[in-house]
Amino acid sequence: MGFTDNFELKPREAIIREVRRFPVIDGGKYFFATVLMMIPFFFLFPLLKWNGWGIAVGLLVFALGFAMFVRTIFMWYHNVFIVTTDRIVDIEQRGFFERVVSQSSLEKIQDVSLHTHGLLQTIFRYGDVNIKTAWGSVDLCVPAIFRPSRLQRLLLETQELYLEKHKFRQPTEKVYERDDVKK
């Protein structure tokens, strides 16, 4: 039972891929939360000398670390970019009670570009994928994903299959001749 069980699909629509942030990005948050959870154990004897107050402080520090750890996992899991056979959906969880869902049909995708910047992104092979859409739709950014070129290729191939399936034709340029201009 996954997150996408609550995601409503259209008839004959299937999920091709779910993409989440590269977990290494949040390594600092995980480290800090783990350190907070371990502090009470390192200072167990001095905290026990304070009796009830020491135990309360130790439990409070542990609870803060645990809450930070759970929140980081929750935010990572609920921030997801979904590619289906008909559309792309960007679900952005901004807090426990705030979510923004943006979506666009595959036919509206005009450009898919990727951006890697800096030494860490080059070494760990992660970056951003920017999706430009047409007709006033929203432009989407999928930040800090592992191997963004794979998502770029997947989006372009899925769009091509979608356009072939639905027989969308690229607009052809028409040349209009003017009768009043003679060479």
C-alpha atoms as a PDB file:
ATOM      1  CA  MET A   1       0.000   0.000   0.000  1.00  0.00           C
ATOM      2  CA  GLY A   2       1.799   3.085  -1.247  1.00  0.00           C
ATOM      3  CA  PHE A   3       1.272   6.788  -1.483  1.00  0.00           C
ATOM      4  CA  THR A   4      -0.188   6.563  -4.975  1.00  0.00           C
ATOM      5  CA  ASP A   5      -3.060   4.381  -3.768  1.00  0.00           C
ATOM      6  CA  ASN A   6      -4.857   7.667  -2.962  1.00  0.00           C
ATOM      7  CA  PHE A   7      -3.937   9.149  -6.345  1.00  0.00           C
ATOM      8  CA  GLU A   8      -6.898   9.027  -8.724  1.00  0.00           C
ATOM      9  CA  LEU A   9      -6.170   7.808 -12.226  1.00  0.00           C
ATOM     10  CA  LYS A  10      -8.331   8.301 -15.279  1.00  0.00           C
ATOM     11  CA  PRO A  11      -9.781   5.226 -16.971  1.00  0.00           C
ATOM     12  CA  ARG A  12      -7.047   3.323 -18.847  1.00  0.00           C
ATOM     13  CA  GLU A  13      -4.342   5.513 -17.340  1.00  0.00           C
ATOM     14  CA  ALA A  14      -1.344   3.875 -15.677  1.00  0.00           C
ATOM     15  CA  ILE A  15       1.523   5.163 -13.585  1.00  0.00           C
ATOM     16  CA  ILE A  16       4.825   4.810 -15.413  1.00  0.00           C
ATOM     17  CA  ARG A  17       7.178   6.184 -12.767  1.00  0.00           C
ATOM     18  CA  GLU A  18       7.260   7.986  -9.429  1.00  0.00           C
ATOM     19  CA  VAL A  19      10.260  10.240  -8.839  1.00  0.00           C
ATOM     20  CA  ARG A  20      11.372  11.642  -5.494  1.00  0.00           C
ATOM     21  CA  ARG A  21      14.246  13.829  -4.333  1.00  0.00           C
ATOM     22  CA  PHE A  22      17.661  12.244  -4.007  1.00  0.00           C
ATOM     23  CA  PRO A  23      17.804  11.180  -0.315  1.00  0.00           C
ATOM     24  CA  VAL A  24      21.432  12.297   0.059  1.00  0.00           C
ATOM     25  CA  ILE A  25      20.183  15.902  -0.177  1.00  0.00           C
ATOM     26  CA  ASP A  26      18.562  15.586   3.250  1.00  0.00           C
ATOM     27  CA  GLY A  27      21.588  13.861   4.804  1.00  0.00           C
ATOM     28  CA  GLY A  28      22.293  16.852   7.045  1.00  0.00           C
ATOM     29  CA  LYS A  29      18.760  16.787   8.461  1.00  0.00           C
ATOM     30  CA  TYR A  30      18.979  13.052   9.129  1.00  0.00           C
ATOM     31  CA  PHE A  31      22.382  13.495  10.813  1.00  0.00           C
ATOM     32  CA  PHE A  32      21.193  16.388  12.998  1.00  0.00           C
ATOM     33  CA  ALA A  33      18.042  14.498  14.012  1.00  0.00           C
ATOM     34  CA  THR A  34      20.093  11.410  14.892  1.00  0.00           C
ATOM     35  CA  VAL A  35      22.510  13.489  16.970  1.00  0.00           C
ATOM     36  CA  LEU A  36      19.575  15.058  18.841  1.00  0.00           C
ATOM     37  CA  MET A  37      18.169  11.609  19.580  1.00  0.00           C
ATOM     38  CA  MET A  38      21.544  10.354  20.864  1.00  0.00           C
ATOM     39  CA  ILE A  39      22.397  13.346  23.104  1.00  0.00           C
ATOM     40  CA  PRO A  40      20.244  12.182  26.050  1.00  0.00           C
ATOM     41  CA  PHE A  41      22.021   8.821  26.051  1.00  0.00           C
ATOM     42  CA  PHE A  42      25.479  10.442  26.172  1.00  0.00           C
ATOM     43  CA  PHE A  43      24.424  12.662  29.053  1.00  0.00           C
ATOM     44  CA  LEU A  44      22.290  10.047  30.799  1.00  0.00           C
ATOM     45  CA  PHE A  45      24.061  10.135  34.195  1.00  0.00           C
ATOM     46  CA  PRO A  46      24.213  13.947  34.504  1.00  0.00           C
ATOM     47  CA  LEU A  47      20.547  14.132  33.491  1.00  0.00           C
ATOM     48  CA  LEU A  48      19.573  11.495  36.062  1.00  0.00           C
ATOM     49  CA  LYS A  49      21.242  13.600  38.797  1.00  0.00           C
ATOM     50  CA  TRP A  50      18.633  16.289  38.113  1.00  0.00           C
ATOM     51  CA  ASN A  51      15.885  13.773  38.913  1.00  0.00           C
ATOM     52  CA  GLY A  52      12.581  14.578  37.191  1.00  0.00           C
ATOM     53  CA  TRP A  53      13.866  17.706  35.454  1.00  0.00           C
ATOM     54  CA  GLY A  54      16.779  15.836  33.896  1.00  0.00           C
ATOM     55  CA  ILE A  55      14.526  13.073  32.629  1.00  0.00           C
ATOM     56  CA  ALA A  56      12.123  15.667  31.203  1.00  0.00           C
ATOM     57  CA  VAL A  57      14.942  17.525  29.415  1.00  0.00           C
ATOM     58  CA  GLY A  58      16.348  14.251  28.035  1.00  0.00           C
ATOM     59  CA  LEU A  59      12.930  13.138  26.789  1.00  0.00           C
ATOM     60  CA  LEU A  60      12.282  16.555  25.259  1.00  0.00           C
ATOM     61  CA  VAL A  61      15.578  16.543  23.321  1.00  0.00           C
ATOM     62  CA  PHE A  62      14.957  12.960  22.158  1.00  0.00           C
ATOM     63  CA  ALA A  63      11.383  13.861  21.100  1.00  0.00           C
ATOM     64  CA  LEU A  64      12.627  16.877  19.116  1.00  0.00           C
ATOM     65  CA  GLY A  65      15.168  14.716  17.262  1.00  0.00           C
ATOM     66  CA  PHE A  66      12.588  12.019  16.606  1.00  0.00           C
ATOM     67  CA  ALA A  67      10.036  14.572  15.342  1.00  0.00           C
ATOM     68  CA  MET A  68      12.643  16.083  13.017  1.00  0.00           C
ATOM     69  CA  PHE A  69      13.543  12.619  11.696  1.00  0.00           C
ATOM     70  CA  VAL A  70       9.876  11.693  11.086  1.00  0.00           C
ATOM     71  CA  ARG A  71       9.133  15.043   9.438  1.00  0.00           C
ATOM     72  CA  THR A  72      12.102  14.673   7.059  1.00  0.00           C
ATOM     73  CA  ILE A  73      10.952  11.207   5.998  1.00  0.00           C
ATOM     74  CA  PHE A  74       7.331  12.403   5.684  1.00  0.00           C
ATOM     75  CA  MET A  75       8.301  15.346   3.476  1.00  0.00           C
ATOM     76  CA  TRP A  76      10.573  13.190   1.293  1.00  0.00           C
ATOM     77  CA  TYR A  77       7.881  10.559   0.797  1.00  0.00           C
ATOM     78  CA  HIS A  78       5.026  12.965   0.039  1.00  0.00           C
ATOM     79  CA  ASN A  79       6.944  15.215  -2.389  1.00  0.00           C
ATOM     80  CA  VAL A  80       6.604  13.155  -5.537  1.00  0.00           C
ATOM     81  CA  PHE A  81       6.582  13.671  -9.285  1.00  0.00           C
ATOM     82  CA  ILE A  82       4.421  11.148 -11.158  1.00  0.00           C
ATOM     83  CA  VAL A  83       4.592  10.297 -14.846  1.00  0.00           C
ATOM     84  CA  THR A  84       1.511   8.527 -16.182  1.00  0.00           C
ATOM     85  CA  THR A  85       0.486   7.425 -19.646  1.00  0.00           C
ATOM     86  CA  ASP A  86      -1.619  10.607 -20.076  1.00  0.00           C
ATOM     87  CA  ARG A  87      -0.143  13.342 -17.878  1.00  0.00           C
ATOM     88  CA  ILE A  88       2.509  14.467 -15.445  1.00  0.00           C
ATOM     89  CA  VAL A  89       1.638  15.340 -11.855  1.00  0.00           C
ATOM     90  CA  ASP A  90       3.807  17.221  -9.359  1.00  0.00           C
ATOM     91  CA  ILE A  91       2.695  16.777  -5.747  1.00  0.00           C
ATOM     92  CA  GLU A  92       4.498  19.197  -3.457  1.00  0.00           C
ATOM     93  CA  GLN A  93       3.993  18.758   0.280  1.00  0.00           C
ATOM     94  CA  ARG A  94       4.933  22.017   1.991  1.00  0.00           C
ATOM     95  CA  GLY A  95       4.045  20.977   5.531  1.00  0.00           C
ATOM     96  CA  PHE A  96       1.913  18.438   7.321  1.00  0.00           C
ATOM     97  CA  PHE A  97      -1.289  20.203   6.291  1.00  0.00           C
ATOM     98  CA  GLU A  98      -0.398  21.996   3.042  1.00  0.00           C
ATOM     99  CA  ARG A  99      -0.104  20.324  -0.357  1.00  0.00           C
ATOM    100  CA  VAL A 100       0.121  21.775  -3.876  1.00  0.00           C
ATOM    101  CA  VAL A 101      -0.744  19.546  -6.835  1.00  0.00           C
ATOM    102  CA  SER A 102       0.217  20.687 -10.342  1.00  0.00           C
ATOM    103  CA  GLN A 103      -0.448  18.663 -13.454  1.00  0.00           C
ATOM    104  CA  SER A 104      -0.180  18.939 -17.190  1.00  0.00           C
ATOM    105  CA  SER A 105      -1.187  16.788 -20.100  1.00  0.00           C
ATOM    106  CA  LEU A 106       1.635  15.201 -22.076  1.00  0.00           C
ATOM    107  CA  GLU A 107       0.527  17.013 -25.221  1.00  0.00           C
ATOM    108  CA  LYS A 108       1.241  20.369 -23.566  1.00  0.00           C
ATOM    109  CA  ILE A 109       4.916  19.656 -22.860  1.00  0.00           C
ATOM    110  CA  GLN A 110       7.062  21.887 -25.047  1.00  0.00           C
ATOM    111  CA  ASP A 111      10.512  21.465 -23.556  1.00  0.00           C
ATOM    112  CA  VAL A 112      12.220  19.241 -20.992  1.00  0.00           C
ATOM    113  CA  SER A 113      15.600  20.457 -19.795  1.00  0.00           C
ATOM    114  CA  LEU A 114      17.926  19.359 -17.036  1.00  0.00           C
ATOM    115  CA  HIS A 115      20.255  21.377 -14.879  1.00  0.00           C
ATOM    116  CA  THR A 116      23.202  20.200 -12.810  1.00  0.00           C
ATOM    117  CA  HIS A 117      25.336  22.732 -11.039  1.00  0.00           C
ATOM    118  CA  GLY A 118      28.355  22.373  -8.829  1.00  0.00           C
ATOM    119  CA  LEU A 119      30.752  19.716  -7.692  1.00  0.00           C
ATOM    120  CA  LEU A 120      28.360  17.747  -5.455  1.00  0.00           C
ATOM    121  CA  GLN A 121      25.686  17.466  -8.144  1.00  0.00           C
ATOM    122  CA  THR A 122      28.294  16.308 -10.645  1.00  0.00           C
ATOM    123  CA  ILE A 123      29.840  13.741  -8.303  1.00  0.00           C
ATOM    124  CA  PHE A 124      26.546  12.318  -7.007  1.00  0.00           C
ATOM    125  CA  ARG A 125      24.845  12.639 -10.445  1.00  0.00           C
ATOM    126  CA  TYR A 126      21.742  14.514  -9.397  1.00  0.00           C
ATOM    127  CA  GLY A 127      20.112  17.661 -10.665  1.00  0.00           C
ATOM    128  CA  ASP A 128      16.875  19.426 -11.585  1.00  0.00           C
ATOM    129  CA  VAL A 129      14.506  18.731 -14.455  1.00  0.00           C
ATOM    130  CA  ASN A 130      12.564  21.725 -15.776  1.00  0.00           C
ATOM    131  CA  ILE A 131       9.437  21.140 -17.829  1.00  0.00           C
ATOM    132  CA  LYS A 132       8.059  23.963 -19.946  1.00  0.00           C
ATOM    133  CA  THR A 133       4.435  23.591 -20.920  1.00  0.00           C
ATOM    134  CA  ALA A 134       2.262  25.351 -23.481  1.00  0.00           C
ATOM    135  CA  TRP A 135      -1.026  27.195 -23.474  1.00  0.00           C
ATOM    136  CA  GLY A 136      -0.605  28.996 -20.181  1.00  0.00           C
ATOM    137  CA  SER A 137      -0.189  25.874 -18.089  1.00  0.00           C
ATOM    138  CA  VAL A 138       2.200  25.823 -15.182  1.00  0.00           C
ATOM    139  CA  ASP A 139       5.894  25.209 -15.698  1.00  0.00           C
ATOM    140  CA  LEU A 140       7.122  22.408 -13.481  1.00  0.00           C
ATOM    141  CA  CYS A 141      10.467  21.842 -11.783  1.00  0.00           C
ATOM    142  CA  VAL A 142      11.497  18.495 -10.353  1.00  0.00           C
ATOM    143  CA  PRO A 143      14.348  19.414  -7.988  1.00  0.00           C
ATOM    144  CA  ALA A 144      17.353  17.337  -6.933  1.00  0.00           C
ATOM    145  CA  ILE A 145      16.618  13.967  -8.491  1.00  0.00           C
ATOM    146  CA  PHE A 146      19.108  11.185  -9.129  1.00  0.00           C
ATOM    147  CA  ARG A 147      20.125  10.891 -12.796  1.00  0.00           C
ATOM    148  CA  PRO A 148      17.869  13.593 -14.252  1.00  0.00           C
ATOM    149  CA  SER A 149      18.721  12.546 -17.810  1.00  0.00           C
ATOM    150  CA  ARG A 150      16.704   9.350 -17.297  1.00  0.00           C
ATOM    151  CA  LEU A 151      13.592  11.331 -16.399  1.00  0.00           C
ATOM    152  CA  GLN A 152      14.174  13.692 -19.322  1.00  0.00           C
ATOM    153  CA  ARG A 153      14.400  10.764 -21.750  1.00  0.00           C
ATOM    154  CA  LEU A 154      11.376   9.049 -20.167  1.00  0.00           C
ATOM    155  CA  LEU A 155       9.234  12.178 -20.480  1.00  0.00           C
ATOM    156  CA  LEU A 156      10.145  12.723 -24.128  1.00  0.00           C
ATOM    157  CA  GLU A 157       9.562   9.048 -25.021  1.00  0.00           C
ATOM    158  CA  THR A 158       6.245   8.948 -23.137  1.00  0.00           C
ATOM    159  CA  GLN A 159       5.124  12.142 -24.841  1.00  0.00           C
ATOM    160  CA  GLU A 160       6.015  10.708 -28.244  1.00  0.00           C
ATOM    161  CA  LEU A 161       4.016   7.528 -27.550  1.00  0.00           C
ATOM    162  CA  TYR A 162       1.095   9.596 -26.273  1.00  0.00           C
ATOM    163  CA  LEU A 163       1.068  11.790 -29.380  1.00  0.00           C
ATOM    164  CA  GLU A 164       1.227   8.738 -31.668  1.00  0.00           C
ATOM    165  CA  LYS A 165      -1.557   6.998 -29.741  1.00  0.00           C
ATOM    166  CA  HIS A 166      -3.867  10.000 -29.880  1.00  0.00           C
ATOM    167  CA  LYS A 167      -2.756  10.988 -33.388  1.00  0.00           C
ATOM    168  CA  PHE A 168      -1.842  14.542 -32.552  1.00  0.00           C
ATOM    169  CA  ARG A 169      -0.227  16.254 -35.487  1.00  0.00           C
ATOM    170  CA  GLN A 170       2.362  18.911 -35.277  1.00  0.00           C
ATOM    171  CA  PRO A 171       1.090  22.127 -36.819  1.00  0.00           C
ATOM    172  CA  THR A 172       2.462  22.615 -40.295  1.00  0.00           C
ATOM    173  CA  GLU A 173       3.429  25.994 -41.565  1.00  0.00           C
ATOM    174  CA  LYS A 174       1.273  27.228 -44.379  1.00  0.00           C
ATOM    175  CA  VAL A 175       2.679  29.565 -46.923  1.00  0.00           C
ATOM    176  CA  TYR A 176       0.154  32.062 -48.115  1.00  0.00           C
ATOM    177  CA  GLU A 177       0.741  33.599 -51.483  1.00  0.00           C
ATOM    178  CA  ARG A 178      -0.468  36.996 -52.258  1.00  0.00           C
ATOM    179  CA  ASP A 179      -2.005  37.482 -55.677  1.00  0.00           C
ATOM    180  CA  ASP A 180      -1.245  41.162 -55.769  1.00  0.00           C
ATOM    181  CA  VAL A 181       2.526  40.710 -55.489  1.00  0.00           C
ATOM    182  CA  LYS A 182       4.142  39.517 -58.692  1.00  0.00           C
ATOM    183  CA  LYS A 183       7.789  38.811 -59.227  1.00  0.00           C
END
